[in-house]
Protein backbone atom coordinates (compact mmCIF):
# COMPACT_ATOMS: atom_id res chain seq x y z
CA MET A 1 126.89 -89.26 34.16
CA HIS A 2 127.76 -91.75 31.42
CA LYS A 3 127.01 -95.41 32.04
CA ILE A 4 129.52 -98.17 31.35
CA LEU A 5 128.76 -101.90 31.27
CA ILE A 6 131.81 -103.98 32.26
CA VAL A 7 131.56 -107.58 31.04
CA GLU A 8 134.37 -109.55 32.67
CA ASP A 9 134.41 -112.97 34.37
CA GLU A 10 137.53 -112.27 36.47
CA PRO A 11 136.41 -110.34 39.60
CA ALA A 12 139.88 -108.91 40.26
CA ILE A 13 139.95 -107.29 36.81
CA SER A 14 136.35 -106.04 36.85
CA ARG A 15 136.79 -104.48 40.30
CA ILE A 16 139.91 -102.52 39.40
CA VAL A 17 138.41 -101.36 36.09
CA GLU A 18 135.27 -100.27 37.94
CA LYS A 19 137.37 -98.41 40.53
CA TYR A 20 139.27 -96.39 37.92
CA LEU A 21 136.14 -95.60 35.91
CA ILE A 22 134.24 -94.43 38.99
CA GLN A 23 137.17 -92.17 39.86
CA SER A 24 136.72 -90.67 36.37
CA ASN A 25 133.02 -90.00 37.09
CA TYR A 26 131.50 -92.92 35.20
CA GLU A 27 128.60 -95.01 36.48
CA CYS A 28 129.46 -98.69 36.20
CA THR A 29 127.59 -101.99 36.10
CA ILE A 30 129.44 -105.32 36.15
CA ALA A 31 128.31 -108.51 34.38
CA SER A 32 130.26 -111.65 35.24
CA ASP A 33 129.35 -113.52 32.05
CA GLY A 34 127.85 -113.03 28.59
CA PHE A 35 124.34 -114.17 29.48
CA ILE A 36 124.07 -111.64 32.32
CA ALA A 37 125.50 -108.97 30.02
CA LEU A 38 122.84 -109.55 27.37
CA GLU A 39 120.09 -109.51 29.99
CA LEU A 40 121.35 -106.21 31.41
CA PHE A 41 121.78 -104.78 27.91
CA SER A 42 118.18 -105.66 27.00
CA LYS A 43 116.77 -103.93 30.09
CA ASN A 44 119.02 -100.89 30.53
CA SER A 45 120.68 -98.10 28.60
CA TYR A 46 124.47 -97.84 28.46
CA ASP A 47 126.84 -95.42 26.74
CA LEU A 48 129.74 -97.86 26.26
CA ILE A 49 130.51 -101.53 26.85
CA LEU A 50 133.82 -103.06 27.93
CA LEU A 51 133.57 -106.66 26.74
CA ASP A 52 135.87 -109.55 27.62
CA VAL A 53 136.38 -112.12 24.85
CA MET A 54 137.12 -115.32 26.76
CA MET A 55 134.17 -116.11 29.05
CA PRO A 56 132.40 -119.34 30.05
CA GLY A 57 129.03 -120.14 28.49
CA ILE A 58 128.98 -117.55 25.72
CA ASP A 59 132.08 -115.74 24.53
CA GLY A 60 132.48 -112.04 23.87
CA PHE A 61 132.32 -112.40 20.09
CA LYS A 62 128.82 -113.90 20.32
CA VAL A 63 127.75 -111.21 22.79
CA LEU A 64 129.06 -108.56 20.39
CA GLU A 65 127.15 -110.06 17.45
CA THR A 66 123.93 -110.00 19.48
CA ILE A 67 124.48 -106.40 20.59
CA ARG A 68 125.15 -105.30 17.00
CA GLU A 69 121.76 -106.64 15.91
CA THR A 70 120.10 -103.70 17.68
CA SER A 71 122.74 -101.18 18.76
CA ASP A 72 125.76 -99.27 17.49
CA LEU A 73 127.01 -98.03 20.88
CA PRO A 74 130.81 -98.18 21.38
CA VAL A 75 132.20 -101.59 22.36
CA ILE A 76 135.80 -102.03 23.51
CA MET A 77 136.97 -105.64 23.60
CA LEU A 78 139.21 -106.88 26.43
CA THR A 79 141.26 -109.97 25.69
CA ALA A 80 144.38 -111.95 26.46
CA ARG A 81 144.48 -113.13 22.85
CA GLU A 82 147.34 -111.59 20.89
CA LEU A 83 146.83 -113.13 17.46
CA GLU A 84 146.06 -110.55 14.80
CA GLU A 85 143.36 -112.84 13.40
CA ASP A 86 141.52 -112.73 16.72
CA ARG A 87 141.63 -108.94 16.84
CA LEU A 88 140.45 -108.66 13.25
CA SER A 89 137.59 -111.05 14.02
CA GLY A 90 136.37 -108.64 16.67
CA PHE A 91 136.60 -105.64 14.37
CA THR A 92 134.79 -107.53 11.61
CA LYS A 93 131.94 -108.31 14.00
CA GLY A 94 131.63 -104.64 14.94
CA ALA A 95 134.09 -103.95 17.77
CA ASP A 96 135.25 -100.35 18.08
CA ASP A 97 138.54 -100.96 19.85
CA TYR A 98 140.65 -103.78 21.29
CA VAL A 99 142.70 -103.76 24.51
CA ILE A 100 145.14 -106.61 25.15
CA LYS A 101 145.57 -107.98 28.69
CA PRO A 102 147.42 -107.20 30.83
CA PHE A 103 146.56 -103.54 30.30
CA SER A 104 147.01 -100.31 32.18
CA PRO A 105 143.74 -99.19 33.84
CA LEU A 106 144.71 -95.59 33.12
CA GLU A 107 145.17 -96.38 29.42
CA LEU A 108 141.78 -98.11 29.37
CA VAL A 109 140.09 -95.09 30.96
CA LYS A 110 141.77 -92.86 28.39
CA ARG A 111 140.32 -94.95 25.58
CA VAL A 112 136.88 -94.80 27.18
CA ASP A 113 137.24 -91.01 27.55
CA VAL A 114 138.05 -90.67 23.83
CA PHE A 115 134.95 -92.53 22.70
CA ILE A 116 132.65 -90.82 25.19
CA LYS A 117 133.94 -87.38 24.19
CA ARG A 118 133.80 -88.05 20.45
CA ILE A 119 130.40 -89.75 20.46
CA TYR A 120 128.53 -87.85 23.17
CA GLY A 121 130.55 -84.69 23.80
CA SER A 122 128.76 -82.17 21.61
CA ASN A 123 125.32 -80.75 22.41
CA GLU A 124 125.24 -78.52 19.35
CA ILE A 125 123.22 -79.45 16.31
CA SER A 126 125.60 -79.90 13.42
CA ILE A 127 124.34 -81.07 10.04
CA ARG A 128 126.92 -81.54 7.30
CA ASN A 129 126.08 -82.15 3.68
CA TYR A 130 128.36 -83.93 1.22
CA GLY A 131 126.60 -84.61 -2.07
CA PRO A 132 124.07 -87.40 -1.43
CA PHE A 133 125.42 -87.89 2.11
CA VAL A 134 124.30 -86.05 5.25
CA LEU A 135 126.04 -86.35 8.62
CA ASP A 136 124.25 -85.42 11.83
CA ASP A 137 126.92 -84.91 14.49
CA LYS A 138 124.36 -84.61 17.28
CA GLU A 139 122.57 -87.87 16.53
CA LYS A 140 125.72 -89.49 15.11
CA THR A 141 123.82 -90.67 12.04
CA MET A 142 124.51 -90.72 8.32
CA ARG A 143 122.03 -90.65 5.45
CA LYS A 144 122.44 -91.33 1.77
CA ASN A 145 119.69 -89.90 -0.43
CA ASN A 146 117.59 -89.46 2.74
CA GLU A 147 117.96 -93.13 3.72
CA ILE A 148 119.64 -93.90 7.02
CA ILE A 149 122.96 -95.78 6.88
CA ASP A 150 123.47 -98.16 9.80
CA LEU A 151 126.96 -97.35 11.13
CA THR A 152 128.72 -98.32 14.35
CA SER A 153 130.25 -95.56 16.48
CA ALA A 154 133.74 -96.22 15.15
CA GLU A 155 132.54 -96.37 11.55
CA TYR A 156 130.87 -92.99 12.01
CA LEU A 157 134.12 -91.48 13.27
CA VAL A 158 136.07 -92.91 10.32
CA ILE A 159 133.58 -91.77 7.67
CA SER A 160 133.37 -88.36 9.34
CA VAL A 161 137.13 -87.88 8.99
CA LEU A 162 137.12 -89.02 5.36
CA LEU A 163 134.29 -86.64 4.48
CA GLU A 164 135.90 -83.74 6.32
CA HIS A 165 138.90 -84.31 4.04
CA LYS A 166 136.91 -85.20 0.93
CA ASN A 167 138.92 -85.58 -2.29
CA GLN A 168 142.10 -85.74 -0.19
CA ILE A 169 144.12 -88.93 0.16
CA LEU A 170 144.59 -89.94 3.81
CA THR A 171 146.98 -92.61 5.03
CA ARG A 172 145.73 -95.28 7.41
CA ASN A 173 147.65 -93.66 10.28
CA GLN A 174 146.16 -90.23 9.51
CA ILE A 175 142.65 -91.68 9.66
CA ILE A 176 143.32 -93.43 12.98
CA GLU A 177 145.01 -90.43 14.59
CA THR A 178 142.33 -87.96 13.45
CA ALA A 179 139.35 -90.17 14.29
CA PHE A 180 140.46 -91.61 17.62
CA SER A 181 143.51 -89.67 18.85
CA LEU A 182 145.10 -92.84 20.27
CA ASP A 183 147.04 -95.90 19.20
CA TYR A 184 144.88 -98.73 17.92
CA GLU A 185 145.58 -102.45 18.08
CA GLY A 186 145.92 -103.85 14.59
CA TYR A 187 146.49 -100.37 13.13
CA ASP A 188 146.78 -100.73 9.32
CA ARG A 189 144.60 -103.79 8.88
CA THR A 190 142.07 -102.47 11.36
CA ILE A 191 141.36 -99.49 9.10
CA ASP A 192 141.08 -101.84 6.12
CA THR A 193 138.35 -103.71 8.00
CA TYR A 194 136.48 -100.49 8.78
CA ILE A 195 136.71 -99.39 5.14
CA LYS A 196 135.38 -102.73 3.90
CA ARG A 197 132.40 -102.53 6.28
CA ILE A 198 131.64 -98.91 5.37
CA ARG A 199 131.79 -99.66 1.64
CA SER A 200 129.31 -102.50 2.06
CA LYS A 201 126.86 -99.97 3.51
CA ILE A 202 127.30 -96.90 1.30
CA GLU A 203 128.34 -98.16 -2.13
CA ASP A 204 125.97 -99.50 -4.79
CA ASP A 205 128.73 -101.92 -5.77
CA PRO A 206 131.31 -102.31 -2.95
CA LYS A 207 133.68 -104.15 -5.31
CA LYS A 208 133.71 -101.11 -7.61
CA PRO A 209 133.44 -98.22 -5.14
CA LYS A 210 132.36 -94.86 -6.50
CA TYR A 211 132.90 -92.82 -3.35
CA LEU A 212 135.31 -94.50 -0.94
CA GLN A 213 138.31 -95.37 -3.09
CA THR A 214 141.68 -96.97 -2.43
CA LYS A 215 144.82 -95.27 -3.66
CA TYR A 216 147.26 -98.16 -3.58
CA GLY A 217 150.45 -97.40 -1.72
CA ALA A 218 149.00 -94.13 -0.42
CA GLY A 219 145.75 -94.61 1.49
CA TYR A 220 142.05 -93.87 1.04
CA VAL A 221 140.06 -90.98 -0.41
CA PHE A 222 136.38 -90.09 -0.36
CA ILE A 223 135.40 -88.74 -3.77
CA ILE A 224 132.49 -86.26 -3.92
């Protein structure tokens, strides 16, 4: 049974999210603020975190930054903020998805299901080689010239799609739909943020990318 950490300071919201997730066979733990969340995270193992942005004491962005220092597990942000800049801030700090309040509990569970299935669903060993890059679909890791590349769960899904369609131009929407199979908040600019982060990790010179290139007006292509 997959374990979900729900970080939410409003009891009414955390209880209903917990109820729907339990009905979908997830094991849930609730943290009422960021400090409790970080303590639980340091002592336990979770498969996915639902993380509220606006909390007293320490906000969700700071919690996310701390989590990303040691872990790449999926993090879905929950927020009442609707400004695009706020959503992009979360993605830049390593968020995998963003859900705007008020949200449908069923939609939220669907998003959780997508990440759990994509990240943990396969028990088969699958090693894929693309030039200097190697993807391990069981461990969800990527190596370049035998050196591990530190990717978040969402970044791994994006790079996996680009490599599966190497030398083929993909639009932003094609990348989103193939990687996540659901609508994403931020859409176009969200993918741009993912691409920027991935380039910083795989390219010798991110400003002059050799592998992950932009085709202006068309999309992105991974050249091998």
